[in-house]
Amino acid sequence: MTSVEPLPSLDRSTLRERALQALRSAITSGQYRPGDHLGEVELAARLGISRGTVREALRHLQQEGLVTPGHRGMLRVNTLTAKEIRGLYQVRAALEGLAVATVINSPNRDAAVRTLRSALSRLSADHAGLPERVAADLGFHLLLCELADNPMLVESWKHLEGRIRVAIMSHDAAQLPEIMSHDRHAPILEAIERGDVAAAVQVVEDHMAAAAKLYAGV
C-alpha cells in the first residue's frame, strides 16, 4: 500500500480575499461601471465560488464605499452625487494638507522628497493605460500621507479610497490623463522641497478643487 499526501483544504478566508480582490479590481478598472448591478448568482458562477463567499466580499466592498444597496436591496456599484464628490475632495484636501505640512516640518523632509520624486516619475508614463495611471496617481497621494508618519491620517485616507476610485471611474476616461499628469503633481513636491508650508497646502487645495470640479461635472 502506498500512502497519499492529503490535498490541502481551501482556506475560506483566502477564498474570500481572492473574491474580494477580483471584484474590487473589476470595479476600479471600469469593468463594472457606477450603477451596474452586482448579482450574487452571476458573480458566484463567474468566480466559481459559493454565493455566501460572494456575499461576504460584497459586504466588505460596501464598507469600502465601492458598493451600495440599489433597487429592492440589490447591490450595485456606487454612484456619487456632485455634492458628495465635492465633499470628498474637501476632506482629501484637509488630510493631504496636513500631510504636506507635517512632512515639511519633519527632520526627514529630504528623504521624503527623494521618495516622492521617485513616485512622481511614475506619473510621466504617457503610454500607460488608465488603470496604471490611476494606480500611479493614488499611489503618490497615499505615499504623501504615509510619509507624514501618522497612522490615523493614513487610515482616514484609505477609508476614502473606494469612493475616490468611484469618482474617478464615473468620469470620461479621455479627460483623466491631464488631472493625473506629472505636471499637475510636481508643484506639490516643489513646495515641500522649498519648505513652504503655506504654498504646499495651497497647491494641494487647488489640486483637489480642480479634481472635484472635473469629477463632479461642474
Protein backbone atom coordinates (compact mmCIF):
# COMPACT_ATOMS: atom_id res chain seq x y z
CA MET A 1 0.00 0.00 0.00
CA THR A 2 1.18 3.48 -0.76
CA SER A 3 0.36 6.50 1.27
CA VAL A 4 -1.00 9.56 -0.50
CA GLU A 5 -0.48 13.02 0.85
CA PRO A 6 -3.88 14.58 1.59
CA LEU A 7 -4.82 17.56 -0.54
CA PRO A 8 -4.73 20.81 1.40
CA SER A 9 -8.17 22.14 2.13
CA LEU A 10 -9.09 25.54 0.75
CA ASP A 11 -8.89 28.27 3.35
CA ARG A 12 -12.26 30.04 3.38
CA SER A 13 -10.68 33.33 4.34
CA THR A 14 -8.23 33.05 1.44
CA LEU A 15 -11.08 32.31 -0.96
CA ARG A 16 -12.95 35.35 0.33
CA GLU A 17 -9.88 37.54 -0.11
CA ARG A 18 -9.43 36.34 -3.68
CA ALA A 19 -13.07 37.06 -4.44
CA LEU A 20 -12.76 40.48 -2.82
CA GLN A 21 -9.64 41.29 -4.84
CA ALA A 22 -11.25 40.15 -8.10
CA LEU A 23 -14.43 42.17 -7.54
CA ARG A 24 -12.56 45.26 -6.37
CA SER A 25 -10.31 45.09 -9.43
CA ALA A 26 -13.31 44.69 -11.76
CA ILE A 27 -14.93 47.80 -10.30
CA THR A 28 -11.85 50.02 -10.09
CA SER A 29 -10.71 49.06 -13.60
CA GLY A 30 -14.06 50.07 -15.07
CA GLN A 31 -15.22 46.55 -15.99
CA TYR A 32 -18.24 47.31 -13.81
CA ARG A 33 -19.37 50.89 -14.07
CA PRO A 34 -21.14 53.06 -11.46
CA GLY A 35 -24.77 51.99 -11.28
CA ASP A 36 -24.17 48.44 -12.54
CA HIS A 37 -25.98 45.76 -10.55
CA LEU A 38 -23.93 43.00 -8.93
CA GLY A 39 -25.93 39.80 -8.72
CA GLU A 40 -24.71 37.15 -6.30
CA VAL A 41 -25.71 34.22 -8.53
CA GLU A 42 -23.98 35.59 -11.63
CA LEU A 43 -20.83 36.58 -9.74
CA ALA A 44 -20.63 33.24 -7.95
CA ALA A 45 -20.86 31.43 -11.30
CA ARG A 46 -18.20 33.64 -12.90
CA LEU A 47 -15.79 33.25 -9.99
CA GLY A 48 -16.56 29.59 -9.36
CA ILE A 49 -17.30 30.13 -5.68
CA SER A 50 -20.31 29.97 -3.39
CA ARG A 51 -22.90 32.73 -3.13
CA GLY A 52 -22.02 33.02 0.56
CA THR A 53 -18.40 33.88 -0.26
CA VAL A 54 -19.55 36.43 -2.85
CA ARG A 55 -21.92 37.92 -0.28
CA GLU A 56 -19.09 38.36 2.23
CA ALA A 57 -16.89 40.05 -0.41
CA LEU A 58 -19.71 42.39 -1.46
CA ARG A 59 -20.38 43.28 2.17
CA HIS A 60 -16.71 44.29 2.53
CA LEU A 61 -16.88 46.37 -0.66
CA GLN A 62 -19.97 48.07 0.72
CA GLN A 63 -17.95 49.09 3.78
CA GLU A 64 -15.27 50.49 1.45
CA GLY A 65 -17.84 52.61 -0.35
CA LEU A 66 -17.49 50.84 -3.70
CA VAL A 67 -20.85 49.10 -3.49
CA THR A 68 -24.23 50.33 -2.27
CA PRO A 69 -27.77 48.89 -1.99
CA GLY A 70 -29.96 49.64 -5.00
CA HIS A 71 -33.48 48.78 -6.09
CA ARG A 72 -35.08 46.12 -3.86
CA GLY A 73 -31.84 45.77 -1.94
CA MET A 74 -29.81 44.53 -4.90
CA LEU A 75 -26.25 45.75 -4.62
CA ARG A 76 -24.78 47.96 -7.32
CA VAL A 77 -21.56 49.82 -7.97
CA ASN A 78 -21.77 53.06 -6.03
CA THR A 79 -22.59 56.35 -7.73
CA LEU A 80 -21.60 59.62 -6.10
CA THR A 81 -23.56 62.85 -6.45
CA ALA A 82 -21.80 66.08 -7.31
CA LYS A 83 -22.26 67.23 -3.72
CA GLU A 84 -20.69 64.03 -2.38
CA ILE A 85 -17.72 64.38 -4.73
CA ARG A 86 -17.11 67.97 -3.68
CA GLY A 87 -17.28 66.94 -0.02
CA LEU A 88 -14.97 64.01 -0.66
CA TYR A 89 -12.30 66.21 -2.18
CA GLN A 90 -12.64 68.83 0.54
CA VAL A 91 -11.83 66.11 3.06
CA ARG A 92 -8.93 64.93 0.92
CA ALA A 93 -7.61 68.49 0.79
CA ALA A 94 -7.70 68.67 4.59
CA LEU A 95 -5.96 65.32 5.04
CA GLU A 96 -3.28 65.90 2.44
CA GLY A 97 -2.81 69.49 3.55
CA LEU A 98 -1.98 68.11 6.99
CA ALA A 99 0.33 65.59 5.35
CA VAL A 100 2.40 68.15 3.42
CA ALA A 101 2.68 70.43 6.47
CA THR A 102 3.83 67.51 8.61
CA VAL A 103 6.37 66.32 6.04
CA ILE A 104 7.82 69.82 5.67
CA ASN A 105 8.27 70.16 9.43
CA SER A 106 9.78 66.69 9.72
CA PRO A 107 13.54 66.19 10.18
CA ASN A 108 13.22 63.55 7.44
CA ARG A 109 11.97 66.00 4.82
CA ASP A 110 14.91 65.50 2.44
CA ALA A 111 14.43 61.74 2.43
CA ALA A 112 10.70 62.22 1.90
CA VAL A 113 11.38 64.48 -1.08
CA ARG A 114 13.56 61.80 -2.69
CA THR A 115 10.88 59.17 -2.13
CA LEU A 116 8.15 61.40 -3.55
CA ARG A 117 10.29 62.29 -6.57
CA SER A 118 10.54 58.59 -7.41
CA ALA A 119 6.75 58.23 -7.14
CA LEU A 120 6.27 61.38 -9.22
CA SER A 121 8.35 59.90 -12.05
CA ARG A 122 5.74 57.15 -12.47
CA LEU A 123 3.21 59.81 -13.47
CA SER A 124 5.30 60.62 -16.55
CA ALA A 125 4.44 57.39 -18.40
CA ASP A 126 2.37 58.75 -21.30
CA HIS A 127 1.92 55.27 -22.75
CA ALA A 128 0.34 53.89 -19.57
CA GLY A 129 -3.26 52.74 -19.62
CA LEU A 130 -5.95 54.11 -17.35
CA PRO A 131 -5.55 51.50 -14.56
CA GLU A 132 -1.81 52.21 -14.40
CA ARG A 133 -2.40 55.97 -14.37
CA VAL A 134 -4.94 55.69 -11.56
CA ALA A 135 -2.57 53.46 -9.57
CA ALA A 136 0.32 55.90 -10.01
CA ASP A 137 -1.84 58.91 -9.13
CA LEU A 138 -3.35 57.42 -5.98
CA GLY A 139 -0.03 55.86 -5.07
CA PHE A 140 1.59 59.31 -5.00
CA HIS A 141 -1.12 60.76 -2.74
CA LEU A 142 -1.17 57.77 -0.40
CA LEU A 143 2.63 57.89 -0.13
CA LEU A 144 2.40 61.56 0.79
CA CYS A 145 0.15 60.63 3.71
CA GLU A 146 2.36 57.71 4.75
CA LEU A 147 5.44 59.95 4.85
CA ALA A 148 3.71 62.10 7.46
CA ASP A 149 4.15 59.14 9.82
CA ASN A 150 0.64 59.45 11.22
CA PRO A 151 -1.24 56.11 11.18
CA MET A 152 -4.60 57.77 11.77
CA LEU A 153 -4.05 60.06 8.78
CA VAL A 154 -3.27 57.07 6.56
CA GLU A 155 -6.25 55.13 7.88
CA SER A 156 -8.56 58.08 7.20
CA TRP A 157 -7.25 58.43 3.64
CA LYS A 158 -7.64 54.72 2.93
CA HIS A 159 -11.21 54.85 4.23
CA LEU A 160 -11.97 57.26 1.38
CA GLU A 161 -10.11 55.34 -1.32
CA GLY A 162 -13.10 53.33 -2.55
CA ARG A 163 -15.15 56.48 -3.08
CA ILE A 164 -12.19 58.21 -4.70
CA ARG A 165 -11.99 55.39 -7.23
CA VAL A 166 -15.74 55.54 -7.84
CA ALA A 167 -15.46 59.28 -8.56
CA ILE A 168 -12.60 58.66 -10.99
CA MET A 169 -14.16 55.72 -12.81
CA SER A 170 -17.51 57.50 -13.25
CA HIS A 171 -15.86 60.11 -15.44
CA ASP A 172 -14.89 60.17 -19.10
CA ALA A 173 -11.53 58.39 -19.26
CA ALA A 174 -10.34 60.64 -22.09
CA GLN A 175 -10.26 63.64 -19.74
CA LEU A 176 -8.39 61.94 -16.89
CA PRO A 177 -4.73 61.93 -18.03
CA GLU A 178 -4.33 65.71 -17.60
CA ILE A 179 -5.50 65.78 -13.98
CA MET A 180 -3.25 62.80 -13.25
CA SER A 181 -0.21 64.17 -15.05
CA HIS A 182 3.30 64.73 -13.75
CA ASP A 183 2.93 68.49 -14.20
CA ARG A 184 -0.20 68.60 -12.01
CA HIS A 185 1.65 66.94 -9.12
CA ALA A 186 5.12 68.44 -9.44
CA PRO A 187 4.16 71.73 -7.68
CA ILE A 188 3.26 69.75 -4.54
CA LEU A 189 6.74 68.27 -4.41
CA GLU A 190 8.40 71.59 -5.24
CA ALA A 191 6.64 73.36 -2.36
CA ILE A 192 7.65 70.60 0.05
CA GLU A 193 11.24 70.80 -1.16
CA ARG A 194 11.27 74.57 -0.58
CA GLY A 195 9.84 74.07 2.91
CA ASP A 196 6.96 76.44 2.17
CA VAL A 197 4.02 75.14 4.22
CA ALA A 198 1.52 77.78 3.07
CA ALA A 199 2.35 77.21 -0.60
CA ALA A 200 2.24 73.42 -0.23
CA VAL A 201 -1.17 73.48 1.45
CA GLN A 202 -2.49 75.89 -1.19
CA VAL A 203 -1.22 73.72 -4.04
CA VAL A 204 -2.92 70.67 -2.52
CA GLU A 205 -6.19 72.58 -2.06
CA ASP A 206 -6.06 73.86 -5.65
CA HIS A 207 -5.33 70.36 -6.95
CA MET A 208 -8.27 68.87 -5.05
CA ALA A 209 -10.59 71.69 -6.11
CA ALA A 210 -9.70 71.08 -9.77
CA ALA A 211 -10.30 67.34 -9.39
CA ALA A 212 -13.64 67.91 -7.68
CA LYS A 213 -14.72 70.28 -10.44
CA LEU A 214 -13.79 67.71 -13.09
CA TYR A 215 -15.35 64.68 -11.42
CA ALA A 216 -18.48 66.49 -10.23
CA GLY A 217 -19.12 67.72 -13.74
CA VAL A 218 -19.37 71.35 -12.71
